Amino acid sequence: MILQVIPGLIPMFFRRILEHHESCYYNAPFLLIVSIIIFNFVLERWLDFLNSKDWSNKLPDELKDVYDADQYKRSQDYKRVNDSFGLITSSFSFLVIMFMLFYHVFGFMDSFARTITSNPMLVALIFFGILMLASDIINTPFALYDTFIIEEQFGFNKTTLKTYFFDKVKGWVLTGLIGGGVIVLIIWLYSISEHYFWVWAWAAISLFMIFISVFYSTLIVPLFNKQTPLEEGDLRNAISDFCKSVGFQLTNVFVIDGSKRSTKANAYFTGLGKRKRIVLYDTLINDLTTKEIVAVLAHEIGHYKKKHTISGMIIGILQTGLTLYIFSLFTVNPLLSYALGAKVKGVHMALMAFGVIYSPLSTIIGLGMNFLSRKNEYEADNYAKEHNLSDELISGLKKLSSNNLNNLTPHKAYVFFHFSHPTLLQRIRALGK
């Protein structure tokens, strides 16, 4: 039904532009913003369509033991439900953003903020605060349905309403402190150094990125999850023995209570230098054997040994610098603020408009980053293989895919645009070479 309505709405939006061409709001940046949003929406729906139609009742030989017939059907049902729900939520978001653009809601919010204060930093905080609160109110029913209906239906959800809303409040606080801090910093630097503010912002944000990378698990994670050192026993001994055998100094192995929210399992490597640590989800420990967990650990150590952590940090910093530099070229043009319905120029309005206009370049950069990430995953897998753990890694990956009801045959175009990891089939075949 939604797909039938949207094609009729798009020309309506453009007719509205022609009918009101005399308005200063409908300038070239406005047309560009609307065109980019429509293009992104159509592209994503096309990729989703390809991915949803790329089903096969016959799995490749390498994947036949991942699911039995009933479980494979269940994974397909899970994918279809999520596809349908995703179409509804994305279409709703698309219509809301179009309404806000064509009826100058952003401009109204900016004007309202300016009736409270003339300080540009406070105006920006009020503007983005209203936007965040409104967005959260609109999206909360969808998020609740996703968590407590869909995830519950397929046996994944372990979150209580109390935990859900406590997470939401803590998320608001973090967003306000970190996001608000970055916005205030950018506007303040712009006010004292209009032409070179991006350089100082780049330096400050880069230092913050390094700080978060080092202290993420000790400062951010404890706000949401409990982390405890891995207890003594066969698993810790096996991990310790492997680390010693490959010359990897690791004293920090933690277990996180992922089962507090979901049955899905994961593991990750975080930190730098002496503060590096491996974090294992308790669900991972329950689902995998000791050797399979060591294989997953070997994969994570492979990322460290191959310098993926450092190179990823450097690339992220360079990408931030590029983004800020390009943004600095846009801030001098008041048409960006006018495009969103503002009556006066504002850095925060230019920032919002720039976020949309920059998205095509961001997509291209993202494709490159996904390609590099997939390459790194192959290298980390190969590191585990070099230490005779390929069979254990394959069996562990199969269990994780099965327990998470993963789509085993995603469309190649969808993988190209969205996957930061190779598919399970690609990883198995690479490990089998």
Protein backbone atom coordinates (compact mmCIF):
# COMPACT_ATOMS: atom_id res chain seq x y z
CA MET A 1 0.00 0.00 0.00
CA ILE A 2 2.79 2.43 0.98
CA LEU A 3 4.73 1.71 -2.21
CA GLN A 4 1.63 2.60 -4.21
CA VAL A 5 1.18 5.92 -2.40
CA ILE A 6 4.79 7.18 -2.48
CA PRO A 7 5.15 7.51 -6.31
CA GLY A 8 2.14 9.82 -6.28
CA LEU A 9 3.52 11.91 -3.45
CA ILE A 10 6.87 12.67 -5.07
CA PRO A 11 5.46 14.66 -8.04
CA MET A 12 3.11 16.39 -5.59
CA PHE A 13 6.14 17.69 -3.71
CA PHE A 14 7.67 19.06 -6.90
CA ARG A 15 4.35 20.64 -7.96
CA ARG A 16 4.35 22.41 -4.63
CA ILE A 17 7.81 23.79 -5.44
CA LEU A 18 6.62 25.15 -8.78
CA GLU A 19 3.50 26.66 -7.25
CA HIS A 20 5.58 28.51 -4.64
CA HIS A 21 8.70 29.23 -6.65
CA GLU A 22 8.69 32.84 -5.51
CA SER A 23 9.47 31.81 -1.93
CA CYS A 24 13.09 32.20 -0.87
CA TYR A 25 12.84 28.81 0.82
CA TYR A 26 12.70 26.90 -2.46
CA ASN A 27 16.23 27.70 -3.62
CA ALA A 28 18.81 25.50 -5.30
CA PRO A 29 20.06 23.96 -2.02
CA PHE A 30 16.45 23.14 -1.11
CA LEU A 31 15.92 21.34 -4.42
CA LEU A 32 19.21 19.53 -3.93
CA ILE A 33 18.30 18.46 -0.40
CA VAL A 34 14.90 17.14 -1.48
CA SER A 35 16.39 15.34 -4.49
CA ILE A 36 19.06 13.67 -2.37
CA ILE A 37 16.55 12.51 0.23
CA ILE A 38 14.29 11.06 -2.47
CA PHE A 39 17.23 9.39 -4.21
CA ASN A 40 18.49 7.85 -0.97
CA PHE A 41 15.02 6.59 -0.11
CA VAL A 42 14.47 5.02 -3.53
CA LEU A 43 17.96 3.48 -3.51
CA GLU A 44 17.44 1.89 -0.10
CA ARG A 45 14.03 0.53 -1.03
CA TRP A 46 15.48 -0.91 -4.25
CA LEU A 47 18.28 -2.63 -2.32
CA ASP A 48 15.77 -3.96 0.21
CA PHE A 49 13.62 -5.26 -2.64
CA LEU A 50 16.55 -7.06 -4.23
CA ASN A 51 17.55 -8.55 -0.91
CA SER A 52 14.03 -9.70 -0.05
CA LYS A 53 13.59 -11.40 -3.43
CA ASP A 54 16.95 -13.15 -3.38
CA TRP A 55 15.71 -16.17 -1.46
CA SER A 56 16.42 -19.78 -2.24
CA ASN A 57 14.98 -22.86 -0.58
CA LYS A 58 18.23 -24.63 -1.38
CA LEU A 59 21.29 -23.50 0.51
CA PRO A 60 24.86 -23.88 -0.80
CA ASP A 61 26.56 -27.10 0.32
CA GLU A 62 28.80 -25.23 2.78
CA LEU A 63 25.74 -23.87 4.62
CA LYS A 64 23.40 -26.86 4.66
CA ASP A 65 24.25 -27.73 8.25
CA VAL A 66 23.53 -24.23 9.60
CA TYR A 67 19.75 -24.69 9.66
CA ASP A 68 17.38 -27.59 9.59
CA ALA A 69 14.26 -27.19 7.44
CA ASP A 70 12.08 -25.72 10.21
CA GLN A 71 14.75 -23.35 11.45
CA TYR A 72 15.52 -22.16 7.93
CA LYS A 73 11.85 -21.34 7.39
CA ARG A 74 11.88 -19.49 10.71
CA SER A 75 14.88 -17.43 9.59
CA GLN A 76 13.04 -16.54 6.39
CA ASP A 77 9.95 -15.52 8.37
CA TYR A 78 12.14 -13.33 10.59
CA LYS A 79 13.64 -11.67 7.54
CA ARG A 80 10.25 -11.06 5.90
CA VAL A 81 8.76 -9.56 9.07
CA ASN A 82 11.74 -7.24 9.47
CA ASP A 83 11.62 -6.26 5.79
CA SER A 84 7.93 -5.35 6.03
CA PHE A 85 8.41 -3.43 9.25
CA GLY A 86 11.47 -1.67 7.85
CA LEU A 87 9.46 -0.55 4.82
CA ILE A 88 6.79 0.93 7.06
CA THR A 89 9.21 2.76 9.36
CA SER A 90 11.44 4.09 6.57
CA SER A 91 8.44 5.27 4.53
CA PHE A 92 6.98 6.99 7.57
CA SER A 93 10.31 8.72 8.29
CA PHE A 94 10.55 9.78 4.64
CA LEU A 95 7.09 11.37 4.72
CA VAL A 96 7.81 13.12 8.02
CA ILE A 97 11.05 14.67 6.78
CA MET A 98 9.34 15.79 3.57
CA PHE A 99 6.53 17.38 5.55
CA MET A 100 9.05 19.19 7.75
CA LEU A 101 10.92 20.49 4.72
CA PHE A 102 7.96 21.68 2.68
CA TYR A 103 6.11 23.20 5.60
CA HIS A 104 9.20 24.89 7.07
CA VAL A 105 9.07 23.07 10.40
CA PHE A 106 12.83 23.43 10.81
CA GLY A 107 12.50 27.17 10.24
CA PHE A 108 9.71 27.39 12.83
CA MET A 109 11.88 25.55 15.37
CA ASP A 110 14.77 27.91 14.64
CA SER A 111 12.54 30.97 15.06
CA PHE A 112 11.13 29.59 18.30
CA ALA A 113 14.62 29.02 19.70
CA ARG A 114 15.57 32.60 18.79
CA THR A 115 12.61 33.96 20.77
CA ILE A 116 14.17 32.40 23.87
CA THR A 117 17.76 33.55 23.37
CA SER A 118 19.99 35.28 20.84
CA ASN A 119 23.10 33.34 21.87
CA PRO A 120 23.96 31.16 18.82
CA MET A 121 25.21 28.27 20.97
CA LEU A 122 22.04 28.21 23.08
CA VAL A 123 19.87 28.58 19.96
CA ALA A 124 21.57 25.50 18.51
CA LEU A 125 21.12 23.50 21.71
CA ILE A 126 17.42 24.39 21.93
CA PHE A 127 16.92 23.62 18.24
CA PHE A 128 18.59 20.21 18.35
CA GLY A 129 17.02 19.47 21.74
CA ILE A 130 13.53 19.98 20.32
CA LEU A 131 14.45 17.96 17.24
CA MET A 132 15.83 15.06 19.31
CA LEU A 133 12.83 15.01 21.64
CA ALA A 134 10.31 15.13 18.78
CA SER A 135 12.18 12.43 16.87
CA ASP A 136 12.27 10.21 19.93
CA ILE A 137 8.55 10.64 20.60
CA ILE A 138 7.71 9.79 17.00
CA ASN A 139 10.03 6.77 16.79
CA THR A 140 9.41 5.25 20.22
CA PRO A 141 6.22 3.35 19.22
CA PHE A 142 8.11 1.75 16.32
CA ALA A 143 11.05 0.87 18.56
CA LEU A 144 8.74 -0.65 21.16
CA TYR A 145 7.01 -2.75 18.53
CA ASP A 146 10.34 -3.93 17.15
CA THR A 147 11.68 -4.91 20.57
CA PHE A 148 8.61 -6.25 22.35
CA ILE A 149 6.66 -7.71 19.43
CA ILE A 150 9.01 -8.79 16.63
CA GLU A 151 12.08 -9.68 18.71
CA GLU A 152 9.84 -11.25 21.35
CA GLN A 153 8.00 -13.29 18.73
CA PHE A 154 11.23 -14.87 17.52
CA GLY A 155 12.65 -15.45 20.99
CA PHE A 156 15.39 -12.80 21.01
CA ASN A 157 14.12 -10.13 23.40
CA LYS A 158 15.13 -10.26 27.05
CA THR A 159 14.68 -6.55 27.70
CA THR A 160 12.13 -5.40 30.26
CA LEU A 161 10.19 -2.16 29.90
CA LYS A 162 12.10 -0.79 32.87
CA THR A 163 15.47 -1.52 31.25
CA TYR A 164 14.26 -0.16 27.92
CA PHE A 165 13.22 3.22 29.33
CA PHE A 166 16.25 3.50 31.61
CA ASP A 167 18.42 2.92 28.51
CA LYS A 168 16.47 5.62 26.73
CA VAL A 169 17.00 8.18 29.50
CA LYS A 170 20.70 7.39 29.70
CA GLY A 171 20.90 7.66 25.92
CA TRP A 172 19.32 11.13 26.10
CA VAL A 173 21.89 12.24 28.67
CA LEU A 174 24.84 10.92 26.64
CA THR A 175 23.50 12.44 23.44
CA GLY A 176 22.99 15.76 25.18
CA LEU A 177 26.45 15.79 26.71
CA ILE A 178 28.45 14.47 23.77
CA GLY A 179 26.36 15.67 20.83
CA GLY A 180 25.55 18.98 22.48
CA GLY A 181 29.18 19.44 23.44
CA VAL A 182 30.37 18.91 19.87
CA ILE A 183 27.76 21.33 18.48
CA VAL A 184 28.63 24.03 21.02
CA LEU A 185 32.33 23.52 20.32
CA ILE A 186 31.88 23.94 16.56
CA ILE A 187 29.75 27.08 16.90
CA TRP A 188 32.10 28.62 19.47
CA LEU A 189 35.15 27.94 17.29
CA TYR A 190 33.29 29.40 14.31
CA SER A 191 32.57 32.56 16.28
CA ILE A 192 36.27 33.14 17.08
CA SER A 193 37.84 31.81 13.86
CA GLU A 194 35.35 31.75 11.01
CA HIS A 195 37.77 30.57 8.30
CA TYR A 196 39.85 28.08 10.30
CA PHE A 197 37.37 26.81 12.85
CA TRP A 198 37.34 23.42 11.15
CA VAL A 199 41.04 22.88 11.94
CA TRP A 200 40.54 23.44 15.67
CA ALA A 201 37.33 21.39 15.64
CA TRP A 202 39.16 18.59 13.85
CA ALA A 203 41.91 18.57 16.48
CA ALA A 204 39.45 18.56 19.39
CA ILE A 205 37.18 15.87 17.92
CA SER A 206 40.19 13.71 17.02
CA LEU A 207 41.44 13.81 20.61
CA PHE A 208 37.95 12.92 21.79
CA MET A 209 37.81 9.96 19.39
CA ILE A 210 41.10 8.63 20.75
CA PHE A 211 39.90 9.16 24.32
CA ILE A 212 36.66 7.27 23.69
CA SER A 213 38.53 4.45 21.95
CA VAL A 214 40.70 3.98 25.03
CA PHE A 215 38.07 4.47 27.75
CA TYR A 216 34.85 3.32 26.04
CA SER A 217 34.61 0.08 28.01
CA THR A 218 35.37 1.72 31.34
CA LEU A 219 33.24 4.86 30.98
CA ILE A 220 30.36 4.22 28.54
CA VAL A 221 29.62 0.48 28.67
CA PRO A 222 29.11 0.35 32.49
CA LEU A 223 26.22 2.81 32.10
CA PHE A 224 24.28 0.11 30.26
CA ASN A 225 25.85 -3.25 31.05
CA LYS A 226 27.72 -5.02 33.80
CA GLN A 227 31.20 -6.25 32.94
CA THR A 228 32.94 -8.83 35.09
CA PRO A 229 36.39 -10.41 34.68
CA LEU A 230 36.23 -13.86 33.13
CA GLU A 231 36.33 -16.32 36.00
CA GLU A 232 39.11 -18.85 36.44
CA GLY A 233 38.55 -22.14 34.66
CA ASP A 234 39.06 -24.03 31.41
CA LEU A 235 37.98 -21.14 29.18
CA ARG A 236 40.24 -18.55 30.81
CA ASN A 237 43.14 -21.02 30.80
CA ALA A 238 42.60 -21.77 27.10
CA ILE A 239 42.49 -18.03 26.29
CA SER A 240 45.60 -17.39 28.38
CA ASP A 241 47.49 -20.23 26.71
CA PHE A 242 46.60 -19.02 23.23
CA CYS A 243 47.60 -15.42 24.00
CA LYS A 244 50.97 -16.60 25.33
CA SER A 245 51.52 -18.77 22.26
CA VAL A 246 51.08 -15.82 19.89
CA GLY A 247 52.90 -13.26 22.05
CA PHE A 248 49.80 -11.22 22.83
CA GLN A 249 49.74 -9.63 26.28
CA LEU A 250 46.17 -9.65 27.52
CA THR A 251 45.15 -9.51 31.14
CA ASN A 252 41.74 -7.93 30.60
CA VAL A 253 39.15 -10.50 29.50
CA PHE A 254 35.64 -9.48 30.50
CA VAL A 255 32.18 -10.98 30.26
CA ILE A 256 29.30 -8.61 29.52
CA ASP A 257 25.70 -9.40 30.47
CA GLY A 258 24.32 -9.25 26.93
CA SER A 259 21.58 -11.69 27.90
CA LYS A 260 20.05 -8.81 29.88
CA ARG A 261 18.63 -7.51 26.60
CA SER A 262 18.88 -10.20 23.92
CA THR A 263 19.79 -13.81 23.24
CA LYS A 264 22.04 -12.71 20.36
CA ALA A 265 25.77 -13.21 20.92
CA ASN A 266 28.83 -11.15 20.15
CA ALA A 267 32.44 -10.40 21.11
CA TYR A 268 34.60 -7.36 20.51
CA PHE A 269 38.07 -5.93 21.04
CA THR A 270 38.45 -2.44 22.46
CA GLY A 271 41.07 -0.09 23.83
CA LEU A 272 44.67 0.70 23.00
CA GLY A 273 47.99 -0.18 24.61
CA LYS A 274 47.75 -1.43 28.16
CA ARG A 275 44.04 -0.62 28.25
CA LYS A 276 43.11 -3.07 25.50
CA ARG A 277 40.59 -5.71 26.44
CA ILE A 278 38.52 -8.51 24.98
CA VAL A 279 34.82 -8.45 25.85
CA LEU A 280 32.78 -11.65 25.49
CA TYR A 281 28.98 -11.68 25.67
CA ASP A 282 27.66 -14.19 28.19
CA THR A 283 25.42 -15.50 25.42
CA LEU A 284 28.55 -16.26 23.36
CA ILE A 285 30.00 -18.30 26.21
CA ASN A 286 26.74 -20.23 26.48
CA ASP A 287 26.43 -20.90 22.74
CA LEU A 288 30.00 -21.81 21.74
CA THR A 289 32.52 -24.40 22.88
CA THR A 290 35.82 -23.39 24.47
CA LYS A 291 37.76 -24.01 21.24
CA GLU A 292 35.24 -22.02 19.21
CA ILE A 293 35.52 -19.09 21.62
CA VAL A 294 39.31 -19.23 21.35
CA ALA A 295 38.93 -19.15 17.57
CA VAL A 296 36.71 -16.07 17.82
CA LEU A 297 39.30 -14.56 20.16
CA ALA A 298 42.04 -15.37 17.63
CA HIS A 299 40.06 -13.46 15.02
CA GLU A 300 39.88 -10.41 17.32
CA ILE A 301 43.59 -10.64 18.11
CA GLY A 302 44.19 -10.85 14.37
CA HIS A 303 42.67 -7.39 14.00
CA TYR A 304 45.13 -6.08 16.58
CA LYS A 305 48.14 -7.88 15.09
CA LYS A 306 47.32 -6.61 11.60
CA LYS A 307 47.08 -3.02 12.93
CA HIS A 308 43.42 -2.73 11.91
CA THR A 309 42.54 -0.90 15.12
CA ILE A 310 45.18 1.79 14.58
CA SER A 311 44.59 2.11 10.83
CA GLY A 312 40.84 2.40 11.40
CA MET A 313 41.41 5.16 13.94
CA ILE A 314 43.70 7.06 11.53
CA ILE A 315 41.23 6.73 8.65
CA GLY A 316 38.39 7.89 10.90
CA ILE A 317 40.37 10.97 11.93
CA LEU A 318 41.24 11.81 8.32
CA GLN A 319 37.62 11.35 7.29
CA THR A 320 36.52 13.68 10.08
CA GLY A 321 38.97 16.32 8.87
CA LEU A 322 37.71 16.05 5.30
CA THR A 323 34.10 16.35 6.42
CA LEU A 324 34.77 19.40 8.58
CA TYR A 325 36.76 21.10 5.81
CA ILE A 326 33.96 20.62 3.28
CA PHE A 327 31.45 21.82 5.89
CA SER A 328 33.52 24.99 6.38
CA LEU A 329 33.01 25.79 2.69
CA PHE A 330 29.24 25.63 3.18
CA THR A 331 28.89 27.74 6.32
CA VAL A 332 29.47 31.03 4.48
CA ASN A 333 26.38 30.50 2.31
CA PRO A 334 23.11 31.62 3.99
CA LEU A 335 21.08 29.77 1.34
CA LEU A 336 21.60 26.55 3.30
CA SER A 337 19.81 28.05 6.29
CA TYR A 338 17.08 29.48 4.04
CA ALA A 339 16.64 26.05 2.41
CA LEU A 340 15.45 24.67 5.75
CA GLY A 341 13.06 27.56 6.29
CA ALA A 342 15.22 29.75 8.51
CA LYS A 343 14.87 33.51 8.21
CA VAL A 344 18.46 34.21 9.26
CA LYS A 345 21.77 32.43 8.73
CA GLY A 346 22.74 29.93 11.41
CA VAL A 347 25.63 27.49 11.72
CA HIS A 348 23.36 24.83 13.20
CA MET A 349 20.96 25.11 10.23
CA ALA A 350 23.86 24.93 7.78
CA LEU A 351 25.08 21.85 9.65
CA MET A 352 21.72 20.11 9.16
CA ALA A 353 21.52 20.98 5.47
CA PHE A 354 25.13 19.98 4.95
CA GLY A 355 24.46 16.59 6.54
CA VAL A 356 22.01 15.82 3.71
CA ILE A 357 24.02 17.37 0.87
CA TYR A 358 27.15 15.56 2.01
CA SER A 359 25.41 12.18 2.10
CA PRO A 360 26.27 11.14 -1.52
CA LEU A 361 29.97 11.66 -0.81
CA SER A 362 29.50 9.98 2.56
CA THR A 363 27.93 7.00 0.79
CA ILE A 364 30.89 6.72 -1.57
CA ILE A 365 33.33 6.94 1.34
CA GLY A 366 31.21 4.38 3.18
CA LEU A 367 31.49 1.95 0.27
CA GLY A 368 35.26 2.27 0.44
CA MET A 369 35.23 1.80 4.21
CA ASN A 370 33.02 -1.28 3.91
CA PHE A 371 35.38 -2.74 1.29
CA LEU A 372 38.35 -2.12 3.58
CA SER A 373 36.47 -3.56 6.55
CA ARG A 374 35.62 -6.74 4.64
CA LYS A 375 39.28 -7.04 3.63
CA ASN A 376 40.29 -6.69 7.28
CA GLU A 377 37.80 -9.38 8.30
CA TYR A 378 39.35 -11.80 5.81
CA GLU A 379 42.79 -11.02 7.24
CA ALA A 380 41.60 -11.55 10.81
CA ASP A 381 39.98 -14.85 9.79
CA ASN A 382 43.22 -15.87 8.11
CA TYR A 383 45.11 -15.12 11.33
CA ALA A 384 42.93 -17.68 13.12
CA LYS A 385 43.54 -20.10 10.25
CA GLU A 386 47.32 -19.66 10.55
CA HIS A 387 46.98 -20.94 14.10
CA ASN A 388 45.00 -24.01 13.05
CA LEU A 389 41.64 -22.68 14.23
CA SER A 390 39.80 -22.39 10.92
CA ASP A 391 37.49 -25.37 11.61
CA GLU A 392 36.59 -24.02 15.05
CA LEU A 393 36.03 -20.52 13.65
CA ILE A 394 33.76 -21.86 10.91
CA SER A 395 31.69 -23.92 13.35
CA GLY A 396 31.47 -20.95 15.72
CA LEU A 397 30.33 -18.60 12.93
CA LYS A 398 27.72 -21.12 11.85
CA LYS A 399 26.31 -21.35 15.36
CA LEU A 400 26.15 -17.58 15.69
CA SER A 401 24.39 -17.26 12.33
CA SER A 402 21.92 -19.98 13.27
CA ASN A 403 21.15 -18.56 16.70
CA ASN A 404 20.70 -15.05 15.26
CA LEU A 405 18.54 -16.28 12.35
CA ASN A 406 20.87 -14.53 9.90
CA ASN A 407 20.09 -14.28 6.21
CA LEU A 408 22.60 -16.69 4.65
CA THR A 409 22.08 -15.61 1.04
CA PRO A 410 21.93 -11.79 0.92
CA HIS A 411 21.91 -10.12 -2.50
CA LYS A 412 25.33 -9.07 -3.80
CA ALA A 413 24.22 -5.45 -4.27
CA TYR A 414 22.96 -5.29 -0.69
CA VAL A 415 26.22 -6.76 0.57
CA PHE A 416 28.20 -4.23 -1.50
CA PHE A 417 26.35 -1.26 -0.03
CA HIS A 418 25.74 -2.35 3.56
CA PHE A 419 27.96 -5.18 4.76
CA SER A 420 31.08 -4.34 6.75
CA HIS A 421 31.75 -8.10 7.06
CA PRO A 422 31.87 -10.72 4.30
CA THR A 423 28.93 -13.09 4.20
CA LEU A 424 29.18 -16.36 6.08
CA LEU A 425 29.55 -18.25 2.78
CA GLN A 426 32.38 -15.97 1.64
CA ARG A 427 34.22 -16.40 4.93
CA ILE A 428 33.84 -20.18 4.89
CA ARG A 429 35.14 -20.43 1.33
CA ALA A 430 38.06 -18.10 2.11
CA LEU A 431 38.98 -20.16 5.17
CA GLY A 432 38.71 -23.36 3.16
CA LYS A 433 41.21 -22.29 0.51
